[in-house]
Protein backbone atom coordinates (compact mmCIF):
# COMPACT_ATOMS: atom_id res chain seq x y z
CA UNK A 1 -85.78 -153.76 33.42
CA UNK A 2 -84.58 -150.55 35.01
CA UNK A 3 -83.57 -147.31 32.94
CA UNK A 4 -81.46 -144.88 33.65
CA UNK A 5 -84.63 -142.43 34.58
CA UNK A 6 -85.76 -145.06 37.16
CA UNK A 7 -82.43 -144.87 38.76
CA UNK A 8 -82.40 -141.45 38.83
CA UNK A 9 -85.86 -141.19 40.35
CA UNK A 10 -84.31 -144.05 42.95
CA UNK A 11 -81.31 -141.94 43.81
CA UNK A 12 -83.44 -138.87 44.74
CA UNK A 13 -85.61 -140.46 46.98
CA UNK A 14 -88.79 -139.70 44.85
CA UNK A 15 -89.33 -143.71 44.67
CA UNK A 16 -89.06 -146.47 47.15
CA UNK A 17 -85.86 -149.11 46.17
CA UNK A 18 -88.51 -151.85 45.87
CA UNK A 19 -90.42 -150.86 42.99
CA UNK A 20 -90.50 -152.82 39.75
CA UNK A 21 -91.56 -151.53 36.70
CA UNK A 22 -95.32 -152.24 36.06
CA UNK A 23 -96.81 -153.09 32.31
CA UNK A 24 -97.20 -150.42 29.96
CA UNK A 25 -100.55 -148.63 28.86
CA UNK A 26 -102.17 -146.18 26.30
CA UNK A 27 -104.51 -145.31 28.97
CA UNK A 28 -103.02 -141.94 30.58
CA UNK A 29 -103.67 -141.75 34.18
CA UNK A 30 -105.95 -138.84 35.70
CA UNK A 31 -102.82 -138.12 38.29
CA UNK A 32 -100.35 -138.14 35.41
CA UNK A 33 -100.72 -134.25 34.40
CA UNK A 34 -97.18 -133.18 33.35
CA UNK A 35 -94.12 -135.19 32.10
CA UNK A 36 -90.09 -134.31 32.12
CA UNK A 37 -87.95 -133.80 28.67
CA UNK A 38 -85.16 -136.18 28.72
CA UNK A 39 -83.64 -134.54 25.76
CA UNK A 40 -79.86 -134.34 25.55
CA UNK A 41 -79.00 -130.54 24.27
CA UNK A 42 -75.78 -128.84 23.83
CA UNK A 43 -74.63 -126.34 26.43
CA UNK A 44 -74.12 -123.63 23.71
CA UNK A 45 -78.44 -123.76 23.50
CA UNK A 46 -80.39 -121.13 25.69
CA UNK A 47 -80.25 -123.48 28.95
CA UNK A 48 -76.40 -123.84 28.70
CA UNK A 49 -74.30 -122.77 31.30
CA UNK A 50 -70.06 -122.00 30.77
CA UNK A 51 -68.75 -124.45 33.21
CA UNK A 52 -70.66 -127.57 31.00
CA UNK A 53 -67.43 -128.03 28.96
CA UNK A 54 -69.24 -128.52 25.80
CA UNK A 55 -70.80 -131.44 27.03
CA UNK A 56 -74.24 -132.53 26.19
CA UNK A 57 -76.92 -131.77 29.34
CA UNK A 58 -80.07 -133.28 29.76
CA UNK A 59 -82.78 -130.62 29.37
CA UNK A 60 -85.33 -131.92 32.44
CA UNK A 61 -87.75 -129.21 31.99
CA UNK A 62 -91.32 -129.95 33.17
CA UNK A 63 -94.52 -129.31 30.98
CA UNK A 64 -98.20 -130.43 31.04
CA UNK A 65 -99.39 -133.76 29.46
CA UNK A 66 -101.07 -130.76 26.83
CA UNK A 67 -97.76 -129.93 25.56
CA UNK A 68 -96.22 -132.09 23.20
CA UNK A 69 -93.63 -130.07 22.58
CA UNK A 70 -90.61 -128.95 25.29
CA UNK A 71 -91.13 -125.54 25.87
CA UNK A 72 -87.38 -125.35 26.81
CA UNK A 73 -85.38 -127.11 24.25
CA UNK A 74 -88.16 -127.41 21.34
CA UNK A 75 -88.10 -131.09 21.27
CA UNK A 76 -90.79 -133.71 21.17
CA UNK A 77 -91.82 -135.88 24.05
CA UNK A 78 -89.76 -138.92 23.55
CA UNK A 79 -89.30 -142.39 24.85
CA UNK A 80 -88.01 -141.82 28.26
CA UNK A 81 -89.87 -138.74 29.47
CA UNK A 82 -91.23 -138.85 33.21
CA UNK A 83 -94.39 -139.51 33.99
CA UNK A 84 -95.75 -136.72 36.66
CA UNK A 85 -98.26 -135.47 38.93
CA UNK A 86 -99.07 -132.08 39.36
CA UNK A 87 -96.51 -131.93 42.59
CA UNK A 88 -93.71 -132.92 40.99
CA UNK A 89 -93.71 -136.83 42.22
CA UNK A 90 -92.62 -139.18 39.38
CA UNK A 91 -95.39 -141.67 38.59
CA UNK A 92 -93.47 -143.68 35.27
CA UNK A 93 -91.86 -143.58 32.51
CA UNK A 94 -92.96 -143.08 28.30
CA UNK A 95 -91.51 -146.66 27.13
CA UNK A 96 -92.66 -146.89 23.49
CA UNK A 97 -94.34 -144.66 20.97
CA UNK A 98 -96.19 -146.52 18.02
CA UNK A 99 -97.38 -145.21 14.51
CA UNK A 100 -95.90 -141.82 15.55
CA UNK A 101 -98.42 -140.70 18.00
CA UNK A 102 -99.55 -143.68 20.08
CA UNK A 103 -97.72 -143.42 23.49
CA UNK A 104 -97.07 -146.29 26.10
CA UNK A 105 -96.88 -145.12 29.52
CA UNK A 106 -95.28 -147.47 32.27
CA UNK A 107 -96.58 -146.76 35.62
CA UNK A 108 -94.75 -148.04 38.78
CA UNK A 109 -97.02 -150.60 40.80
CA UNK A 110 -96.37 -149.03 43.99
CA UNK A 111 -97.71 -145.71 42.82
CA UNK A 112 -101.26 -146.90 41.87
CA UNK A 113 -104.20 -144.44 42.01
CA UNK A 114 -106.44 -146.02 44.26
CA UNK A 115 -103.70 -146.88 47.05
CA UNK A 116 -103.06 -143.02 47.34
CA UNK A 117 -104.12 -142.65 50.87
CA UNK A 118 -102.58 -140.90 54.21
CA UNK A 119 -100.63 -142.46 56.21
CA UNK A 120 -101.83 -144.49 59.53
CA UNK A 121 -100.77 -143.24 62.98
CA UNK A 122 -99.07 -146.27 64.66
CA UNK A 123 -97.95 -144.52 67.56
CA UNK A 124 -100.54 -145.78 70.29
CA UNK A 125 -98.35 -145.78 73.33
CA UNK A 126 -98.77 -141.86 74.10
CA UNK A 127 -95.16 -142.02 75.59
CA UNK A 128 -93.39 -138.83 75.51
CA UNK A 129 -91.08 -139.82 72.71
CA UNK A 130 -87.52 -138.17 71.55
CA UNK A 131 -87.65 -136.85 68.08
CA UNK A 132 -83.66 -136.43 66.97
CA UNK A 133 -82.92 -133.35 65.54
CA UNK A 134 -85.83 -131.65 66.81
CA UNK A 135 -86.60 -128.58 68.52
């Protein structure tokens, strides 16, 4: 089942539309080095803006995995936090926390660690290709 975090990542173009959530795990992947806070905060907090009209806004601060507290809003890492790489790519989402400390992460199957290869060059005809919008 897709969550609001999945849809945001899809809308931003950071994920392909054909992904399906995988199975959750307690093991944090090697490339999962950051997380993004999803806590709703009041606009009168330090990150609020005058045009927010009092509606809660999502924090969206990005922290290293070693930090369990958000440096912007001060909240602990909660269900719905995004799993991210060092360069900001979404890998998955925190789906459950059991016994207060065991975090269950769900990584998108499309973004498996071993499948991180560069794109293959499929242009073998060596014709003069036209690039739209290029100079």
